[in-house]
Structures are given as C-alpha cells and as structure tokens.
Amino acid sequence: MKAHQLKNGDTISLDGDHLVVFHFAEERGQVILDVVSEVSARRFELHYSPDARISVL
C-alpha cells in the first residue's frame, strides 16, 4: 500500500515490529505517521514520501 493511502488504525510492519497508526497527516509533501509499537508500546514518528510502499497487515 502507498503511504498516502494509510489511515488511523492501520497496522504496518517495520523491521519485524507491528506498528499501529494513531495519527496520519500530510504536510509539505510528506506523509507523517505517529505510530505505537505493539511489542514495546513505544511511540514513533515516521516520515515517508506519499508514494512510498508500506507493508500493511
């Protein structure tokens, strides 16, 4: 799935961790995701280009 198609509540896979999207925004030509790890409960902010491919579970 492309980054700009994500929505709140989606779960993505990154480096073996499952991250739940709790906030999605598009700013200055980037997709910005606030995510929480299902494994460690840590919060991350990820930046992608709108056409970046992301693995969604």
PDB file of N, CA and C in Angstrom:
ATOM      1  N   MET A   1       0.845  -1.163   0.000  1.00  0.00           N
ATOM      2  CA  MET A   1       0.000   0.000   0.000  1.00  0.00           C
ATOM      3  C   MET A   1       0.902   1.241   0.000  1.00  0.00           C
ATOM      4  N   LYS A   2       0.471   2.280  -0.671  1.00  0.00           N
ATOM      5  CA  LYS A   2       1.241   3.522  -0.687  1.00  0.00           C
ATOM      6  C   LYS A   2       0.954   4.325   0.581  1.00  0.00           C
ATOM      7  N   ALA A   3       1.947   5.084   1.019  1.00  0.00           N
ATOM      8  CA  ALA A   3       1.859   5.815   2.284  1.00  0.00           C
ATOM      9  C   ALA A   3       0.641   6.723   2.356  1.00  0.00           C
ATOM     10  N   HIS A   4       0.294   7.386   1.269  1.00  0.00           N
ATOM     11  CA  HIS A   4      -0.823   8.333   1.316  1.00  0.00           C
ATOM     12  C   HIS A   4      -2.177   7.636   1.428  1.00  0.00           C
ATOM     13  N   GLN A   5      -2.218   6.299   1.307  1.00  0.00           N
ATOM     14  CA  GLN A   5      -3.463   5.541   1.422  1.00  0.00           C
ATOM     15  C   GLN A   5      -3.724   5.040   2.846  1.00  0.00           C
ATOM     16  N   LEU A   6      -2.757   5.208   3.740  1.00  0.00           N
ATOM     17  CA  LEU A   6      -2.928   4.741   5.114  1.00  0.00           C
ATOM     18  C   LEU A   6      -3.981   5.569   5.838  1.00  0.00           C
ATOM     19  N   LYS A   7      -4.505   4.991   6.922  1.00  0.00           N
ATOM     20  CA  LYS A   7      -5.473   5.712   7.750  1.00  0.00           C
ATOM     21  C   LYS A   7      -5.263   5.308   9.209  1.00  0.00           C
ATOM     22  N   ASN A   8      -5.837   6.075  10.110  1.00  0.00           N
ATOM     23  CA  ASN A   8      -5.744   5.770  11.533  1.00  0.00           C
ATOM     24  C   ASN A   8      -6.268   4.362  11.790  1.00  0.00           C
ATOM     25  N   GLY A   9      -5.570   3.619  12.645  1.00  0.00           N
ATOM     26  CA  GLY A   9      -5.974   2.262  12.989  1.00  0.00           C
ATOM     27  C   GLY A   9      -5.302   1.182  12.169  1.00  0.00           C
ATOM     28  N   ASP A  10      -4.680   1.543  11.031  1.00  0.00           N
ATOM     29  CA  ASP A  10      -3.954   0.548  10.238  1.00  0.00           C
ATOM     30  C   ASP A  10      -2.746   0.048  11.021  1.00  0.00           C
ATOM     31  N   THR A  11      -2.374  -1.202  10.795  1.00  0.00           N
ATOM     32  CA  THR A  11      -1.173  -1.778  11.393  1.00  0.00           C
ATOM     33  C   THR A  11      -0.170  -2.022  10.284  1.00  0.00           C
ATOM     34  N   ILE A  12       1.046  -1.492  10.469  1.00  0.00           N
ATOM     35  CA  ILE A  12       2.093  -1.665   9.470  1.00  0.00           C
ATOM     36  C   ILE A  12       3.218  -2.506  10.060  1.00  0.00           C
ATOM     37  N   SER A  13       3.990  -3.114   9.187  1.00  0.00           N
ATOM     38  CA  SER A  13       5.123  -3.930   9.597  1.00  0.00           C
ATOM     39  C   SER A  13       6.403  -3.190   9.247  1.00  0.00           C
ATOM     40  N   LEU A  14       7.301  -3.060  10.227  1.00  0.00           N
ATOM     41  CA  LEU A  14       8.575  -2.379  10.008  1.00  0.00           C
ATOM     42  C   LEU A  14       9.649  -3.087  10.820  1.00  0.00           C
ATOM     43  N   ASP A  15      10.630  -3.650  10.153  1.00  0.00           N
ATOM     44  CA  ASP A  15      11.745  -4.344  10.810  1.00  0.00           C
ATOM     45  C   ASP A  15      11.280  -5.387  11.824  1.00  0.00           C
ATOM     46  N   GLY A  16      10.243  -6.150  11.483  1.00  0.00           N
ATOM     47  CA  GLY A  16       9.770  -7.217  12.350  1.00  0.00           C
ATOM     48  C   GLY A  16       8.833  -6.770  13.460  1.00  0.00           C
ATOM     49  N   ASP A  17       8.591  -5.478  13.578  1.00  0.00           N
ATOM     50  CA  ASP A  17       7.685  -4.955  14.603  1.00  0.00           C
ATOM     51  C   ASP A  17       6.362  -4.577  13.949  1.00  0.00           C
ATOM     52  N   HIS A  18       5.294  -4.673  14.692  1.00  0.00           N
ATOM     53  CA  HIS A  18       3.984  -4.239  14.205  1.00  0.00           C
ATOM     54  C   HIS A  18       3.677  -2.891  14.835  1.00  0.00           C
ATOM     55  N   LEU A  19       3.389  -1.909  14.002  1.00  0.00           N
ATOM     56  CA  LEU A  19       3.145  -0.548  14.464  1.00  0.00           C
ATOM     57  C   LEU A  19       1.730  -0.135  14.098  1.00  0.00           C
ATOM     58  N   VAL A  20       0.988   0.382  15.068  1.00  0.00           N
ATOM     59  CA  VAL A  20      -0.387   0.821  14.846  1.00  0.00           C
ATOM     60  C   VAL A  20      -0.386   2.329  14.614  1.00  0.00           C
ATOM     61  N   VAL A  21      -0.983   2.746  13.507  1.00  0.00           N
ATOM     62  CA  VAL A  21      -1.068   4.164  13.163  1.00  0.00           C
ATOM     63  C   VAL A  21      -2.158   4.807  14.018  1.00  0.00           C
ATOM     64  N   PHE A  22      -1.782   5.823  14.835  1.00  0.00           N
ATOM     65  CA  PHE A  22      -2.810   6.517  15.596  1.00  0.00           C
ATOM     66  C   PHE A  22      -2.991   7.956  15.149  1.00  0.00           C
ATOM     67  N   HIS A  23      -2.105   8.451  14.296  1.00  0.00           N
ATOM     68  CA  HIS A  23      -2.313   9.770  13.698  1.00  0.00           C
ATOM     69  C   HIS A  23      -1.624   9.802  12.347  1.00  0.00           C
ATOM     70  N   PHE A  24      -2.331  10.323  11.356  1.00  0.00           N
ATOM     71  CA  PHE A  24      -1.845  10.399   9.983  1.00  0.00           C
ATOM     72  C   PHE A  24      -1.984  11.843   9.526  1.00  0.00           C
ATOM     73  N   ALA A  25      -0.928  12.386   8.902  1.00  0.00           N
ATOM     74  CA  ALA A  25      -1.004  13.753   8.367  1.00  0.00           C
ATOM     75  C   ALA A  25      -0.160  13.838   7.107  1.00  0.00           C
ATOM     76  N   GLU A  26      -0.557  14.728   6.208  1.00  0.00           N
ATOM     77  CA  GLU A  26       0.251  15.041   5.030  1.00  0.00           C
ATOM     78  C   GLU A  26       0.657  16.499   5.143  1.00  0.00           C
ATOM     79  N   GLU A  27       1.965  16.744   5.208  1.00  0.00           N
ATOM     80  CA  GLU A  27       2.496  18.096   5.347  1.00  0.00           C
ATOM     81  C   GLU A  27       3.733  18.257   4.477  1.00  0.00           C
ATOM     82  N   ARG A  28       3.823  19.378   3.803  1.00  0.00           N
ATOM     83  CA  ARG A  28       5.000  19.735   2.993  1.00  0.00           C
ATOM     84  C   ARG A  28       5.467  18.599   2.091  1.00  0.00           C
ATOM     85  N   GLY A  29       4.510  17.913   1.467  1.00  0.00           N
ATOM     86  CA  GLY A  29       4.851  16.854   0.528  1.00  0.00           C
ATOM     87  C   GLY A  29       5.285  15.552   1.159  1.00  0.00           C
ATOM     88  N   GLN A  30       5.103  15.404   2.464  1.00  0.00           N
ATOM     89  CA  GLN A  30       5.449  14.171   3.158  1.00  0.00           C
ATOM     90  C   GLN A  30       4.232  13.615   3.875  1.00  0.00           C
ATOM     91  N   VAL A  31       4.237  12.309   4.062  1.00  0.00           N
ATOM     92  CA  VAL A  31       3.257  11.652   4.920  1.00  0.00           C
ATOM     93  C   VAL A  31       3.936  11.455   6.270  1.00  0.00           C
ATOM     94  N   ILE A  32       3.291  11.934   7.319  1.00  0.00           N
ATOM     95  CA  ILE A  32       3.837  11.821   8.668  1.00  0.00           C
ATOM     96  C   ILE A  32       2.913  10.918   9.473  1.00  0.00           C
ATOM     97  N   LEU A  33       3.501   9.862  10.029  1.00  0.00           N
ATOM     98  CA  LEU A  33       2.735   8.886  10.804  1.00  0.00           C
ATOM     99  C   LEU A  33       3.195   8.898  12.253  1.00  0.00           C
ATOM    100  N   ASP A  34       2.266   9.009  13.175  1.00  0.00           N
ATOM    101  CA  ASP A  34       2.535   8.746  14.581  1.00  0.00           C
ATOM    102  C   ASP A  34       2.062   7.320  14.808  1.00  0.00           C
ATOM    103  N   VAL A  35       2.965   6.476  15.278  1.00  0.00           N
ATOM    104  CA  VAL A  35       2.659   5.057  15.445  1.00  0.00           C
ATOM    105  C   VAL A  35       3.073   4.582  16.833  1.00  0.00           C
ATOM    106  N   VAL A  36       2.452   3.489  17.275  1.00  0.00           N
ATOM    107  CA  VAL A  36       2.801   2.860  18.546  1.00  0.00           C
ATOM    108  C   VAL A  36       3.133   1.401  18.269  1.00  0.00           C
ATOM    109  N   SER A  37       4.246   0.939  18.825  1.00  0.00           N
ATOM    110  CA  SER A  37       4.672  -0.448  18.670  1.00  0.00           C
ATOM    111  C   SER A  37       3.779  -1.374  19.485  1.00  0.00           C
ATOM    112  N   GLU A  38       3.305  -2.456  18.847  1.00  0.00           N
ATOM    113  CA  GLU A  38       2.530  -3.465  19.578  1.00  0.00           C
ATOM    114  C   GLU A  38       3.418  -4.263  20.522  1.00  0.00           C
ATOM    115  N   VAL A  39       4.713  -4.325  20.241  1.00  0.00           N
ATOM    116  CA  VAL A  39       5.637  -5.124  21.045  1.00  0.00           C
ATOM    117  C   VAL A  39       6.101  -4.362  22.284  1.00  0.00           C
ATOM    118  N   SER A  40       6.600  -3.137  22.100  1.00  0.00           N
ATOM    119  CA  SER A  40       7.201  -2.398  23.213  1.00  0.00           C
ATOM    120  C   SER A  40       6.340  -1.252  23.735  1.00  0.00           C
ATOM    121  N   ALA A  41       5.241  -0.926  23.053  1.00  0.00           N
ATOM    122  CA  ALA A  41       4.353   0.198  23.398  1.00  0.00           C
ATOM    123  C   ALA A  41       5.052   1.551  23.254  1.00  0.00           C
ATOM    124  N   ARG A  42       6.194   1.576  22.559  1.00  0.00           N
ATOM    125  CA  ARG A  42       6.895   2.847  22.313  1.00  0.00           C
ATOM    126  C   ARG A  42       6.242   3.578  21.157  1.00  0.00           C
ATOM    127  N   ARG A  43       6.338   4.907  21.199  1.00  0.00           N
ATOM    128  CA  ARG A  43       5.753   5.758  20.162  1.00  0.00           C
ATOM    129  C   ARG A  43       6.860   6.229  19.224  1.00  0.00           C
ATOM    130  N   PHE A  44       6.536   6.277  17.929  1.00  0.00           N
ATOM    131  CA  PHE A  44       7.480   6.727  16.915  1.00  0.00           C
ATOM    132  C   PHE A  44       6.784   7.694  15.966  1.00  0.00           C
ATOM    133  N   GLU A  45       7.561   8.579  15.363  1.00  0.00           N
ATOM    134  CA  GLU A  45       7.070   9.424  14.279  1.00  0.00           C
ATOM    135  C   GLU A  45       7.856   9.038  13.035  1.00  0.00           C
ATOM    136  N   LEU A  46       7.148   8.635  11.992  1.00  0.00           N
ATOM    137  CA  LEU A  46       7.770   8.193  10.748  1.00  0.00           C
ATOM    138  C   LEU A  46       7.411   9.153   9.631  1.00  0.00           C
ATOM    139  N   HIS A  47       8.367   9.413   8.743  1.00  0.00           N
ATOM    140  CA  HIS A  47       8.149  10.301   7.599  1.00  0.00           C
ATOM    141  C   HIS A  47       8.377   9.511   6.315  1.00  0.00           C
ATOM    142  N   TYR A  48       7.431   9.621   5.386  1.00  0.00           N
ATOM    143  CA  TYR A  48       7.515   8.929   4.103  1.00  0.00           C
ATOM    144  C   TYR A  48       7.124   9.874   2.982  1.00  0.00           C
ATOM    145  N   SER A  49       7.602   9.565   1.783  1.00  0.00           N
ATOM    146  CA  SER A  49       7.067  10.257   0.605  1.00  0.00           C
ATOM    147  C   SER A  49       5.681   9.663   0.351  1.00  0.00           C
ATOM    148  N   PRO A  50       4.756  10.421  -0.242  1.00  0.00           N
ATOM    149  CA  PRO A  50       3.393   9.924  -0.453  1.00  0.00           C
ATOM    150  C   PRO A  50       3.311   8.628  -1.262  1.00  0.00           C
ATOM    151  N   ASP A  51       4.269   8.391  -2.155  1.00  0.00           N
ATOM    152  CA  ASP A  51       4.233   7.195  -2.997  1.00  0.00           C
ATOM    153  C   ASP A  51       5.063   6.036  -2.457  1.00  0.00           C
ATOM    154  N   ALA A  52       5.635   6.177  -1.251  1.00  0.00           N
ATOM    155  CA  ALA A  52       6.423   5.097  -0.655  1.00  0.00           C
ATOM    156  C   ALA A  52       5.525   3.895  -0.400  1.00  0.00           C
ATOM    157  N   ARG A  53       6.047   2.687  -0.646  1.00  0.00           N
ATOM    158  CA  ARG A  53       5.287   1.460  -0.410  1.00  0.00           C
ATOM    159  C   ARG A  53       5.528   1.012   1.029  1.00  0.00           C
ATOM    160  N   ILE A  54       4.428   0.691   1.714  1.00  0.00           N
ATOM    161  CA  ILE A  54       4.481   0.291   3.116  1.00  0.00           C
ATOM    162  C   ILE A  54       3.722  -1.020   3.272  1.00  0.00           C
ATOM    163  N   SER A  55       4.301  -1.937   4.056  1.00  0.00           N
ATOM    164  CA  SER A  55       3.671  -3.232   4.291  1.00  0.00           C
ATOM    165  C   SER A  55       2.597  -3.093   5.370  1.00  0.00           C
ATOM    166  N   VAL A  56       1.339  -3.325   4.980  1.00  0.00           N
ATOM    167  CA  VAL A  56       0.207  -3.213   5.901  1.00  0.00           C
ATOM    168  C   VAL A  56      -0.286  -4.613   6.239  1.00  0.00           C
ATOM    169  N   LEU A  57      -0.552  -4.847   7.515  1.00  0.00           N
ATOM    170  CA  LEU A  57      -1.045  -6.159   7.968  1.00  0.00           C
ATOM    171  C   LEU A  57      -2.547  -6.192   7.967  1.00  0.00           C
TER     172      LEU A  57
END
